[in-house]
Amino acid sequence: MSCSHPPEIDEKKLKILECKIENLTQTVIDLSRKIDMMCGSCENMDEHINFVNGVYKTVRSPLQWVVQKTNTLMGSDATHSDEIKQLPYK
């Protein structure tokens, strides 16, 4: 038994629709690959951000000490250590 379609749909229109479906399918596949690549990139960026935050937590106190000593030696009235203390960190 062969498949028959309604008489109003001719073979040319059916071929056009099949081509469009193939193009849309390929577009979905391409977008899926791009999303996968972006997810990997985002994970790498997350690891980098965590590394930078860890380094900041490690050097924060010594950095404040250096700033305070430098300001003391230079006779500066304005200290920037308050600015360092106010930096957000997790």
C-alpha atoms as a PDB file:
ATOM      1  CA  MET A   1       0.000   0.000   0.000  1.00  0.00           C
ATOM      2  CA  SER A   2       1.476   3.337  -0.973  1.00  0.00           C
ATOM      3  CA  CYS A   3       1.144   6.559   0.905  1.00  0.00           C
ATOM      4  CA  SER A   4      -0.954   9.061  -0.832  1.00  0.00           C
ATOM      5  CA  HIS A   5      -1.310  12.676   0.039  1.00  0.00           C
ATOM      6  CA  PRO A   6      -4.217  14.935  -0.428  1.00  0.00           C
ATOM      7  CA  PRO A   7      -4.603  15.948  -4.051  1.00  0.00           C
ATOM      8  CA  GLU A   8      -4.095  19.636  -3.266  1.00  0.00           C
ATOM      9  CA  ILE A   9      -0.444  19.014  -2.287  1.00  0.00           C
ATOM     10  CA  ASP A  10       1.581  18.405  -5.388  1.00  0.00           C
ATOM     11  CA  GLU A  11       5.030  16.841  -5.536  1.00  0.00           C
ATOM     12  CA  LYS A  12       6.811  20.160  -6.085  1.00  0.00           C
ATOM     13  CA  LYS A  13       5.337  21.696  -2.938  1.00  0.00           C
ATOM     14  CA  LEU A  14       6.123  18.549  -1.000  1.00  0.00           C
ATOM     15  CA  LYS A  15       9.755  18.657  -2.152  1.00  0.00           C
ATOM     16  CA  ILE A  16      10.012  22.331  -1.097  1.00  0.00           C
ATOM     17  CA  LEU A  17       8.635  21.492   2.346  1.00  0.00           C
ATOM     18  CA  GLU A  18      11.073  18.592   2.722  1.00  0.00           C
ATOM     19  CA  CYS A  19      13.976  20.912   1.848  1.00  0.00           C
ATOM     20  CA  LYS A  20      12.809  23.466   4.387  1.00  0.00           C
ATOM     21  CA  ILE A  21      12.523  20.786   7.062  1.00  0.00           C
ATOM     22  CA  GLU A  22      16.044  19.552   6.261  1.00  0.00           C
ATOM     23  CA  ASN A  23      17.377  23.116   6.477  1.00  0.00           C
ATOM     24  CA  LEU A  24      15.637  23.712   9.798  1.00  0.00           C
ATOM     25  CA  THR A  25      16.932  20.404  11.147  1.00  0.00           C
ATOM     26  CA  GLN A  26      20.495  21.327  10.161  1.00  0.00           C
ATOM     27  CA  THR A  27      20.069  24.761  11.756  1.00  0.00           C
ATOM     28  CA  VAL A  28      18.921  23.155  15.016  1.00  0.00           C
ATOM     29  CA  ILE A  29      21.934  20.805  14.948  1.00  0.00           C
ATOM     30  CA  ASP A  30      24.312  23.732  14.324  1.00  0.00           C
ATOM     31  CA  LEU A  31      22.766  25.776  17.147  1.00  0.00           C
ATOM     32  CA  SER A  32      23.003  22.809  19.501  1.00  0.00           C
ATOM     33  CA  ARG A  33      26.722  22.456  18.744  1.00  0.00           C
ATOM     34  CA  LYS A  34      27.276  26.159  19.343  1.00  0.00           C
ATOM     35  CA  ILE A  35      25.421  25.997  22.665  1.00  0.00           C
ATOM     36  CA  ASP A  36      27.575  23.038  23.725  1.00  0.00           C
ATOM     37  CA  MET A  37      30.735  25.007  22.884  1.00  0.00           C
ATOM     38  CA  MET A  38      29.474  28.044  24.803  1.00  0.00           C
ATOM     39  CA  CYS A  39      28.670  25.911  27.854  1.00  0.00           C
ATOM     40  CA  GLY A  40      32.237  24.620  27.864  1.00  0.00           C
ATOM     41  CA  SER A  41      33.532  28.162  27.557  1.00  0.00           C
ATOM     42  CA  CYS A  42      31.317  29.321  30.426  1.00  0.00           C
ATOM     43  CA  GLU A  43      32.591  26.497  32.624  1.00  0.00           C
ATOM     44  CA  ASN A  44      36.166  27.550  31.861  1.00  0.00           C
ATOM     45  CA  MET A  45      35.316  31.154  32.728  1.00  0.00           C
ATOM     46  CA  ASP A  46      33.700  30.038  35.995  1.00  0.00           C
ATOM     47  CA  GLU A  47      36.895  28.179  36.918  1.00  0.00           C
ATOM     48  CA  HIS A  48      38.952  31.274  36.116  1.00  0.00           C
ATOM     49  CA  ILE A  49      36.686  33.532  38.187  1.00  0.00           C
ATOM     50  CA  ASN A  50      36.952  31.127  41.136  1.00  0.00           C
ATOM     51  CA  PHE A  51      40.741  31.140  40.771  1.00  0.00           C
ATOM     52  CA  VAL A  52      40.885  34.963  40.711  1.00  0.00           C
ATOM     53  CA  ASN A  53      38.594  35.176  43.758  1.00  0.00           C
ATOM     54  CA  GLY A  54      40.823  32.706  45.608  1.00  0.00           C
ATOM     55  CA  VAL A  55      43.927  34.734  44.773  1.00  0.00           C
ATOM     56  CA  TYR A  56      42.187  37.930  45.891  1.00  0.00           C
ATOM     57  CA  LYS A  57      41.227  36.368  49.219  1.00  0.00           C
ATOM     58  CA  THR A  58      44.830  35.268  49.693  1.00  0.00           C
ATOM     59  CA  VAL A  59      46.468  38.618  48.914  1.00  0.00           C
ATOM     60  CA  ARG A  60      43.815  40.925  50.349  1.00  0.00           C
ATOM     61  CA  SER A  61      45.294  41.289  53.840  1.00  0.00           C
ATOM     62  CA  PRO A  62      48.921  41.639  52.706  1.00  0.00           C
ATOM     63  CA  LEU A  63      47.789  44.175  50.104  1.00  0.00           C
ATOM     64  CA  GLN A  64      46.005  46.236  52.748  1.00  0.00           C
ATOM     65  CA  TRP A  65      49.137  46.147  54.906  1.00  0.00           C
ATOM     66  CA  VAL A  66      51.331  47.321  51.988  1.00  0.00           C
ATOM     67  CA  VAL A  67      48.929  50.151  51.176  1.00  0.00           C
ATOM     68  CA  GLN A  68      48.812  51.303  54.794  1.00  0.00           C
ATOM     69  CA  LYS A  69      52.624  51.194  55.166  1.00  0.00           C
ATOM     70  CA  THR A  70      53.098  53.008  51.861  1.00  0.00           C
ATOM     71  CA  ASN A  71      50.652  55.707  52.865  1.00  0.00           C
ATOM     72  CA  THR A  72      52.359  56.059  56.243  1.00  0.00           C
ATOM     73  CA  LEU A  73      55.797  56.366  54.652  1.00  0.00           C
ATOM     74  CA  MET A  74      54.549  58.870  52.076  1.00  0.00           C
ATOM     75  CA  GLY A  75      52.732  60.886  54.739  1.00  0.00           C
ATOM     76  CA  SER A  76      49.455  60.595  52.894  1.00  0.00           C
ATOM     77  CA  ASP A  77      46.366  61.574  54.867  1.00  0.00           C
ATOM     78  CA  ALA A  78      44.058  59.730  52.519  1.00  0.00           C
ATOM     79  CA  THR A  79      44.282  56.000  52.800  1.00  0.00           C
ATOM     80  CA  HIS A  80      42.899  53.722  50.177  1.00  0.00           C
ATOM     81  CA  SER A  81      42.758  50.731  52.469  1.00  0.00           C
ATOM     82  CA  ASP A  82      39.102  51.531  53.155  1.00  0.00           C
ATOM     83  CA  GLU A  83      38.442  51.126  49.437  1.00  0.00           C
ATOM     84  CA  ILE A  84      40.131  47.742  49.473  1.00  0.00           C
ATOM     85  CA  LYS A  85      38.081  46.645  52.475  1.00  0.00           C
ATOM     86  CA  GLN A  86      34.887  47.579  50.657  1.00  0.00           C
ATOM     87  CA  LEU A  87      35.583  45.417  47.609  1.00  0.00           C
ATOM     88  CA  PRO A  88      32.978  42.681  47.445  1.00  0.00           C
ATOM     89  CA  TYR A  89      34.160  39.122  47.747  1.00  0.00           C
ATOM     90  CA  LYS A  90      32.565  35.792  48.410  1.00  0.00           C
END
